[in-house]
Amino acid sequence: MTSPSPAVPRPDHPLRVAVVGAGVIGAHHCRVIATTDGIELGAVVDVDLERAGALAAEHDAPAVGSLAEALAPEHAIDIVAVCTPSGLHAVLAIEAMEAGRHVLIEKPIDVVDERAARIDEARRAAGVQAAVISQHRFDESTEQVAAAIAAGRLGRVTSAVASVPWWRSQEYYDSGQWRGTLALDGGGALMNQGVHTVDLLCAFLGRPVEVFGYTALLAHEGIEVEDTAAGVIRFDGGALGLIHATTASFPGSGVRLQVHGDQGGATIESDRLIALTCRDADDAGADAGTSDGTGGTIGTGGTAEAAAPAPDFTHAHRLQYEDLVRAIRTGGAVRVGTREARTALAVINGLYESARTEAPVAIPEF
């Protein structure tokens, strides 16, 4: 049985989005959709119809109790945004794609590598677009660092150090039966809080080939996953990346990511570029730039560069929706799709396997 071909939307009509999952992240997606050109909310889906109805009423949209209902012709859905617990991502995304709909999947793509592979297979078979939320790839800070690396301004990138020192109370894990479970959460501080930072390490340092790590449960109880993880990722170009993620760092602080090269480096903190320094390619003996103390940096040629502002929480999600709309309308590729998402998931699950076996784990290439 072949999947339905995705309909080509009329350029003068916004794409209609069904948000599956009426929890915190689903509500966030509804707000993003309401402020993004080219899309509109077509339905809110949740097995808890009361919760779906309350969220849908805020946006003057219908509420339904299943994805199958949302995919009925009367709703004219073009995109399905999967915002459920992570362990349900694959089954819902595949259902949507087999019905000929494009999908946007919240991070992580799923919690099991084999199920993520099935999402990839379903995408190819259906000929639809599949994007996975990795909104920090769209941050201005990320764009600036990636551009500097691509232009060779940092020289050979040698290493990176990333820390996600967050706090989650015991009440956070107790607030939902699925939280902290292997089946639906898939992991703890690394899978849920650290996945975006793992993705950025891969964006900056290249293809990961091996990971070694440790995990621990140190400050919470009654959960099946870690609240602290640390590891080393080796990349195909030889660079080494250190990743630290925890939900046991009271009261919590911002994510910090430093990228180091033999001609310069960059630091992103709380999504804001606070330093970008490099040695002038025409003056190999010049001192590297340093922070000017005001949030700018002294960069190539000794000129001050303004630091990128931290984006608001909806801005980068909006950019990723716009990227998906562009890909659907032009037939081009999304910037962050299943391959990138599967790579980040493989690193995380590889670190978990390394922690169990106390041995390095190879990361496959997708």
Protein backbone atom coordinates (compact mmCIF):
# COMPACT_ATOMS: atom_id res chain seq x y z
CA MET A 1 0.00 0.00 0.00
CA THR A 2 1.46 3.34 -1.03
CA SER A 3 1.18 6.49 1.05
CA PRO A 4 -0.92 9.39 -0.21
CA SER A 5 1.05 12.02 -2.07
CA PRO A 6 1.36 15.26 -0.11
CA ALA A 7 -0.88 17.98 -1.48
CA VAL A 8 0.84 21.06 -2.89
CA PRO A 9 -0.62 24.00 -0.94
CA ARG A 10 -1.82 27.06 -2.79
CA PRO A 11 0.69 29.87 -2.34
CA ASP A 12 -2.04 32.26 -1.21
CA HIS A 13 -3.25 29.91 1.52
CA PRO A 14 -1.48 29.48 4.88
CA LEU A 15 -0.40 25.97 5.78
CA ARG A 16 -2.60 24.47 8.47
CA VAL A 17 -0.89 22.90 11.48
CA ALA A 18 -2.27 20.29 13.88
CA VAL A 19 -0.48 20.44 17.24
CA VAL A 20 -0.45 17.02 18.88
CA GLY A 21 -0.03 17.33 22.64
CA ALA A 22 -1.68 20.11 24.66
CA GLY A 23 0.95 20.34 27.38
CA VAL A 24 3.50 23.06 28.03
CA ILE A 25 5.42 22.64 24.77
CA GLY A 26 2.24 22.20 22.74
CA ALA A 27 0.92 25.49 24.13
CA HIS A 28 4.22 27.11 23.17
CA HIS A 29 3.88 25.85 19.59
CA CYS A 30 0.36 27.25 19.40
CA ARG A 31 1.69 30.67 20.39
CA VAL A 32 4.47 30.45 17.82
CA ILE A 33 2.05 29.44 15.07
CA ALA A 34 -0.19 32.39 15.92
CA THR A 35 2.68 34.82 15.28
CA THR A 36 4.26 33.17 12.21
CA ASP A 37 3.41 34.19 8.66
CA GLY A 38 2.37 31.44 6.29
CA ILE A 39 0.86 29.04 8.83
CA GLU A 40 -2.27 28.82 10.98
CA LEU A 41 -3.47 26.50 13.72
CA GLY A 42 -5.84 23.92 12.29
CA ALA A 43 -6.42 21.68 15.32
CA VAL A 44 -5.22 20.82 18.80
CA VAL A 45 -4.96 17.08 19.51
CA ASP A 46 -4.80 15.43 22.93
CA VAL A 47 -6.24 12.28 24.47
CA ASP A 48 -7.36 14.56 27.29
CA LEU A 49 -10.11 16.38 25.41
CA GLU A 50 -10.69 18.86 28.20
CA ARG A 51 -7.07 19.96 28.07
CA ALA A 52 -7.13 20.05 24.26
CA GLY A 53 -10.33 22.10 24.33
CA ALA A 54 -8.94 24.67 26.75
CA LEU A 55 -5.84 25.25 24.61
CA ALA A 56 -7.79 25.23 21.33
CA ALA A 57 -10.26 27.79 22.70
CA GLU A 58 -7.40 30.23 23.31
CA HIS A 59 -6.66 30.15 19.57
CA ASP A 60 -10.15 29.68 18.12
CA ALA A 61 -9.29 26.24 16.76
CA PRO A 62 -11.03 22.87 16.96
CA ALA A 63 -9.99 20.26 19.54
CA VAL A 64 -9.92 16.53 18.79
CA GLY A 65 -8.94 13.46 20.75
CA SER A 66 -6.76 11.65 18.20
CA LEU A 67 -4.44 12.33 15.32
CA ALA A 68 -6.69 10.28 13.03
CA GLU A 69 -9.54 12.74 13.72
CA ALA A 70 -7.27 15.71 13.01
CA LEU A 71 -6.28 14.19 9.66
CA ALA A 72 -9.90 14.03 8.49
CA PRO A 73 -10.48 16.05 5.31
CA GLU A 74 -12.57 18.74 7.00
CA HIS A 75 -9.55 20.00 8.96
CA ALA A 76 -7.35 20.31 5.82
CA ILE A 77 -4.14 19.78 7.82
CA ASP A 78 -0.82 20.23 6.01
CA ILE A 79 1.67 19.92 8.91
CA VAL A 80 1.57 17.85 12.09
CA ALA A 81 3.59 19.22 15.00
CA VAL A 82 4.41 16.36 17.39
CA CYS A 83 4.62 17.78 20.93
CA THR A 84 3.98 14.67 23.03
CA PRO A 85 6.28 12.82 25.45
CA SER A 86 9.40 11.83 23.52
CA GLY A 87 8.74 8.09 23.48
CA LEU A 88 5.58 8.67 21.40
CA HIS A 89 7.20 10.77 18.69
CA ALA A 90 7.86 8.03 16.16
CA VAL A 91 4.41 6.44 16.13
CA LEU A 92 2.68 9.80 15.66
CA ALA A 93 5.13 11.18 13.10
CA ILE A 94 4.91 8.01 11.02
CA GLU A 95 1.10 8.06 11.16
CA ALA A 96 1.09 11.63 9.89
CA MET A 97 3.61 10.98 7.11
CA GLU A 98 1.83 7.85 5.91
CA ALA A 99 -1.23 10.08 5.54
CA GLY A 100 0.80 12.42 3.31
CA ARG A 101 1.37 15.17 5.87
CA HIS A 102 4.59 17.02 6.60
CA VAL A 103 5.83 16.86 10.19
CA LEU A 104 7.64 19.00 12.72
CA ILE A 105 8.82 16.91 15.65
CA GLU A 106 9.82 18.29 19.02
CA LYS A 107 13.26 17.28 20.29
CA PRO A 108 14.47 14.62 20.53
CA ILE A 109 13.31 12.92 17.33
CA ASP A 110 12.48 9.89 19.53
CA VAL A 111 14.29 8.11 22.33
CA VAL A 112 15.15 4.88 20.47
CA ASP A 113 17.57 4.89 17.54
CA GLU A 114 15.65 2.21 15.64
CA ARG A 115 12.40 4.17 15.85
CA ALA A 116 14.19 7.30 14.65
CA ALA A 117 15.38 5.27 11.66
CA ARG A 118 11.77 4.29 10.91
CA ILE A 119 10.82 7.99 10.90
CA ASP A 120 13.53 8.55 8.30
CA GLU A 121 12.28 5.64 6.21
CA ALA A 122 8.67 6.87 6.40
CA ARG A 123 9.75 10.37 5.32
CA ARG A 124 11.48 9.04 2.23
CA ALA A 125 8.62 6.69 1.35
CA ALA A 126 5.98 9.41 1.68
CA GLY A 127 8.01 12.14 -0.03
CA VAL A 128 7.16 14.68 2.67
CA GLN A 129 9.21 17.13 4.70
CA ALA A 130 10.25 16.24 8.25
CA ALA A 131 11.91 18.80 10.50
CA VAL A 132 13.01 18.25 14.08
CA ILE A 133 13.02 21.13 16.55
CA SER A 134 16.59 22.28 17.01
CA GLN A 135 15.77 25.93 17.38
CA HIS A 136 19.20 26.96 18.66
CA ARG A 137 20.64 26.31 15.19
CA PHE A 138 18.65 29.40 14.18
CA ASP A 139 19.97 31.65 16.98
CA GLU A 140 22.02 34.61 15.76
CA SER A 141 24.83 33.52 18.07
CA THR A 142 24.94 30.09 16.43
CA GLU A 143 24.86 31.61 12.95
CA GLN A 144 27.82 33.88 13.75
CA VAL A 145 29.98 31.09 15.18
CA ALA A 146 29.12 28.70 12.35
CA ALA A 147 29.99 31.38 9.79
CA ALA A 148 33.32 32.07 11.51
CA ILE A 149 34.18 28.37 11.49
CA ALA A 150 33.17 27.98 7.83
CA ALA A 151 35.29 30.99 6.87
CA GLY A 152 38.32 29.53 8.65
CA ARG A 153 38.51 32.40 11.13
CA LEU A 154 39.06 30.01 14.04
CA GLY A 155 41.65 28.00 12.14
CA ARG A 156 41.53 24.31 12.88
CA VAL A 157 38.78 23.68 15.42
CA THR A 158 40.38 21.58 18.12
CA SER A 159 37.86 21.26 20.94
CA ALA A 160 34.69 22.48 22.57
CA VAL A 161 33.38 22.53 26.13
CA ALA A 162 29.63 22.58 26.78
CA SER A 163 27.82 22.73 30.11
CA VAL A 164 24.08 22.57 30.82
CA PRO A 165 23.91 23.22 34.60
CA TRP A 166 20.17 23.27 35.25
CA TRP A 167 17.94 22.53 38.21
CA ARG A 168 14.77 20.46 38.21
CA SER A 169 13.04 19.86 41.52
CA GLN A 170 11.69 16.53 42.67
CA GLU A 171 8.24 18.01 42.07
CA TYR A 172 9.12 18.44 38.38
CA TYR A 173 9.71 14.72 37.99
CA ASP A 174 6.66 13.89 40.11
CA SER A 175 4.39 16.17 38.05
CA GLY A 176 3.79 13.62 35.28
CA GLN A 177 3.82 9.83 35.32
CA TRP A 178 5.90 9.80 32.13
CA ARG A 179 8.65 12.08 33.45
CA GLY A 180 11.85 10.29 34.33
CA THR A 181 10.80 7.03 32.67
CA LEU A 182 12.92 5.17 30.16
CA ALA A 183 9.90 4.36 27.97
CA LEU A 184 8.65 7.91 27.44
CA ASP A 185 11.46 10.24 28.57
CA GLY A 186 14.21 7.98 27.24
CA GLY A 187 16.80 9.62 29.44
CA GLY A 188 17.25 12.47 31.85
CA ALA A 189 19.44 15.56 31.92
CA LEU A 190 21.24 14.67 28.67
CA MET A 191 18.30 13.41 26.58
CA ASN A 192 15.92 16.19 27.59
CA GLN A 193 17.90 19.20 28.73
CA GLY A 194 21.21 18.58 26.93
CA VAL A 195 20.03 17.45 23.50
CA HIS A 196 20.13 20.95 21.98
CA THR A 197 23.71 21.46 23.15
CA VAL A 198 24.79 18.08 21.77
CA ASP A 199 23.25 19.16 18.46
CA LEU A 200 25.25 22.41 18.50
CA LEU A 201 28.47 20.52 19.21
CA CYS A 202 27.80 18.47 16.09
CA ALA A 203 26.96 21.61 14.09
CA PHE A 204 30.27 23.23 15.06
CA LEU A 205 32.70 20.29 15.22
CA GLY A 206 31.45 18.00 12.45
CA ARG A 207 30.51 14.34 12.39
CA PRO A 208 30.82 12.56 15.74
CA VAL A 209 32.54 9.18 15.52
CA GLU A 210 32.89 8.02 19.15
CA VAL A 211 31.65 8.89 22.63
CA PHE A 212 32.65 7.91 26.15
CA GLY A 213 30.75 8.98 29.22
CA TYR A 214 29.34 8.53 32.69
CA THR A 215 25.87 9.08 34.11
CA ALA A 216 24.58 9.27 37.67
CA LEU A 217 21.38 9.83 39.65
CA LEU A 218 22.48 11.98 42.56
CA ALA A 219 19.80 14.44 43.68
CA HIS A 220 16.43 12.90 42.79
CA GLU A 221 14.55 9.73 43.57
CA GLY A 222 11.89 7.54 42.03
CA ILE A 223 13.05 8.05 38.42
CA GLU A 224 14.70 5.67 35.97
CA VAL A 225 17.05 8.17 34.32
CA GLU A 226 20.12 10.24 35.14
CA ASP A 227 20.16 13.72 36.60
CA THR A 228 23.88 14.16 35.82
CA ALA A 229 25.91 13.15 32.76
CA ALA A 230 29.38 13.90 31.47
CA GLY A 231 31.24 12.67 28.44
CA VAL A 232 33.80 13.17 25.68
CA ILE A 233 32.85 13.11 22.00
CA ARG A 234 35.48 12.51 19.33
CA PHE A 235 34.76 14.00 15.90
CA ASP A 236 35.96 12.85 12.49
CA GLY A 237 38.28 15.84 12.10
CA GLY A 238 40.03 14.96 15.36
CA ALA A 239 38.36 17.58 17.55
CA LEU A 240 37.22 16.61 21.04
CA GLY A 241 34.03 17.88 22.65
CA LEU A 242 33.22 17.79 26.35
CA ILE A 243 29.54 17.64 27.32
CA HIS A 244 28.14 18.11 30.83
CA ALA A 245 24.43 18.12 31.57
CA THR A 246 22.66 18.08 34.91
CA THR A 247 19.32 18.85 36.51
CA ALA A 248 20.97 18.75 39.94
CA SER A 249 22.65 22.17 39.96
CA PHE A 250 20.62 24.40 42.27
CA PRO A 251 19.39 27.00 41.44
CA GLY A 252 20.47 26.44 37.84
CA SER A 253 22.35 28.70 35.47
CA GLY A 254 22.70 29.35 31.76
CA VAL A 255 24.04 26.96 29.16
CA ARG A 256 27.64 27.76 28.21
CA LEU A 257 29.35 26.54 25.04
CA GLN A 258 32.96 27.36 24.18
CA VAL A 259 34.54 26.47 20.82
CA HIS A 260 38.33 26.52 20.52
CA GLY A 261 40.54 26.63 17.44
CA ASP A 262 44.22 27.23 16.79
CA GLN A 263 43.44 30.69 15.40
CA GLY A 264 40.52 31.76 17.59
CA GLY A 265 37.53 30.80 19.64
CA ALA A 266 33.97 31.64 20.58
CA THR A 267 31.77 31.54 23.68
CA ILE A 268 27.98 31.35 23.73
CA GLU A 269 26.25 31.77 27.06
CA SER A 270 22.48 31.58 27.58
CA ASP A 271 22.05 31.67 23.78
CA ARG A 272 24.03 34.92 23.54
CA LEU A 273 27.40 35.29 21.83
CA ILE A 274 29.61 36.86 24.47
CA ALA A 275 33.00 36.39 22.76
CA LEU A 276 34.26 35.74 19.26
CA THR A 277 38.02 36.09 18.97
CA CYS A 278 40.37 35.28 16.14
CA ARG A 279 43.88 35.90 14.87
CA ASP A 280 44.08 38.01 11.73
CA ALA A 281 44.82 35.68 8.81
CA ASP A 282 47.09 38.38 7.36
CA ASP A 283 48.98 38.85 10.63
CA ALA A 284 49.75 35.40 12.01
CA GLY A 285 51.80 36.87 14.82
CA ALA A 286 49.08 39.15 16.15
CA ASP A 287 47.60 38.49 19.55
CA ALA A 288 44.25 36.83 19.64
CA GLY A 289 41.32 39.09 20.40
CA THR A 290 39.89 39.24 23.88
CA SER A 291 36.64 40.35 25.41
CA ASP A 292 36.34 44.11 25.61
CA GLY A 293 34.40 43.85 28.88
CA THR A 294 31.16 45.20 27.43
CA GLY A 295 29.81 42.10 25.80
CA GLY A 296 31.61 42.81 22.51
CA THR A 297 34.91 41.33 21.46
CA ILE A 298 38.13 42.48 19.92
CA GLY A 299 38.14 40.47 16.73
CA THR A 300 40.10 40.22 13.51
CA GLY A 301 42.04 43.40 12.81
CA GLY A 302 41.48 44.61 16.39
CA THR A 303 37.99 45.97 15.75
CA ALA A 304 35.16 45.63 18.24
CA GLU A 305 32.30 43.32 17.29
CA ALA A 306 28.87 43.60 18.89
CA ALA A 307 27.72 40.55 20.76
CA ALA A 308 24.60 38.85 19.45
CA PRO A 309 21.56 39.47 21.63
CA ALA A 310 19.81 36.55 23.30
CA PRO A 311 16.63 35.70 21.35
CA ASP A 312 13.24 35.43 23.01
CA PHE A 313 11.89 31.92 23.43
CA THR A 314 9.53 32.10 20.45
CA HIS A 315 11.85 33.74 17.91
CA ALA A 316 14.00 30.75 16.97
CA HIS A 317 10.99 28.40 16.88
CA ARG A 318 9.34 30.85 14.51
CA LEU A 319 12.40 30.76 12.26
CA GLN A 320 12.32 26.97 12.18
CA TYR A 321 8.64 26.96 11.22
CA GLU A 322 9.43 29.46 8.46
CA ASP A 323 12.23 27.18 7.26
CA LEU A 324 9.80 24.25 7.06
CA VAL A 325 7.28 26.34 5.13
CA ARG A 326 10.01 27.36 2.67
CA ALA A 327 11.01 23.73 2.15
CA ILE A 328 7.41 22.63 1.59
CA ARG A 329 6.69 25.38 -0.93
CA THR A 330 9.96 25.10 -2.85
CA GLY A 331 10.74 21.40 -2.52
CA GLY A 332 14.09 22.24 -0.95
CA ALA A 333 15.62 20.64 2.13
CA VAL A 334 14.93 21.70 5.70
CA ARG A 335 17.92 22.99 7.62
CA VAL A 336 17.50 20.55 10.51
CA GLY A 337 15.97 17.26 9.48
CA THR A 338 16.00 13.62 10.42
CA ARG A 339 19.72 13.09 9.69
CA GLU A 340 20.84 15.81 12.09
CA ALA A 341 18.34 14.70 14.73
CA ARG A 342 19.35 11.05 14.45
CA THR A 343 22.99 12.04 14.88
CA ALA A 344 22.32 13.91 18.14
CA LEU A 345 20.20 11.00 19.41
CA ALA A 346 22.92 8.49 18.54
CA VAL A 347 25.48 10.50 20.52
CA ILE A 348 23.21 10.59 23.57
CA ASN A 349 22.28 6.92 23.43
CA GLY A 350 25.94 6.11 22.75
CA LEU A 351 26.93 7.95 25.91
CA TYR A 352 24.30 6.02 27.86
CA GLU A 353 25.66 2.75 26.43
CA SER A 354 29.19 3.81 27.31
CA ALA A 355 28.12 4.53 30.88
CA ARG A 356 26.65 1.02 31.11
CA THR A 357 29.63 -0.77 29.56
CA GLU A 358 32.45 1.55 30.70
CA ALA A 359 33.79 1.51 27.13
CA PRO A 360 33.81 3.93 24.17
CA VAL A 361 30.89 3.59 21.74
CA ALA A 362 31.12 4.21 17.99
CA ILE A 363 28.59 6.58 16.41
CA PRO A 364 27.18 5.51 13.01
CA GLU A 365 27.07 7.88 10.06
CA PHE A 366 23.63 8.73 8.65
